[in-house]
Amino acid sequence: MRPEEKFAKGRYDYLAEHYHGLRTKVYPQGWFYNEMLEMPTTFGLLGNIKGKKILDFGCGSGIYAKLLVKKGAKVKGFDISPEMIRIAKRENPKLDLRVGSGYDIPFNEQFDIVLASLVVHYLEDWDKMFKEVSRVLKKGGLFIFSTGNPIVECMTKVKVPGKKKKLRTFGKNNYFTIKKIESIWNINGVEKVKMNPYHRTYGSIIKTIVKNGFEIVDYEDCRPIPKSEKIFPEHYKLNKNMPYFCVWKVQQK
């Protein structure tokens, strides 16, 4: 297991039950960034998936898997975290969900679609990851993945003399450097957990896609859905004009 996978496994094993709770309770904070920001955009790019065979890459606690099945898809999945898979199997007892790596996908069959929701940014070697995705995709199959928006990843808040609110700027962060960055998750307003995604430029993402025999079919920046303004007014205000996440739809040639 590579160092970045070991790190992610440890974090998600530790956070598994808490993470699932954030995503499934009534109007928790997790709803905004997932159910009201990333997921609507991703499902928009997925389109009609009835009868499609889908691999849920980094399936977490099985939330996407359950929704994909409801939309008529035939779903299998894997995740680096055994604790996440334990919950995912509890939530989806009829599905084939396995512990596995994005560098060594634990399936030897082919799918119509590989879906990776907010997971590929934890992997350093995208060439190796794309080769594995290609191996389990049918000819002409789709790889749909969401990740942090490269521009927003480099922004930070800095104090401005005479201003109460901090200003978002690039500060010392260099957009052009492909590197591990630090993201802090605030747990219940008390505990802070460090996560380490990798920042990539738009150019590096596009070149990796093309180099590995895929072509870009579609792309969307994630915008919050209208009803989130009433439920999460502060988050909506911050993200309505800022693309926090983005979703790529690419096809194997």
Foldseek 3Di string as FASTA:
>chain_A
DDPLLVVVQVVCLVCQVVLVCQCPDPQHPVCFVDVFWQPVVLCVVVDQAAAFEEEEEQCFQQPVVVVSVVSHYQYEYEHQYPNRQVNNCVVVVVHHYYHDDLLADPDQEAGQEYEYEADCQSDDDVLSSLVSNVRRHDAFHKYKYKHFDLVQQQWDWDDDPPDPGTDIDNPPGDSQDWAWDWDWDQRPVPDIDIHTGTHDHPVVVQVSQVVSQKDWDDKDQIAGDPVVCVSPVVVNVVGRPPRGMMMTMITHD
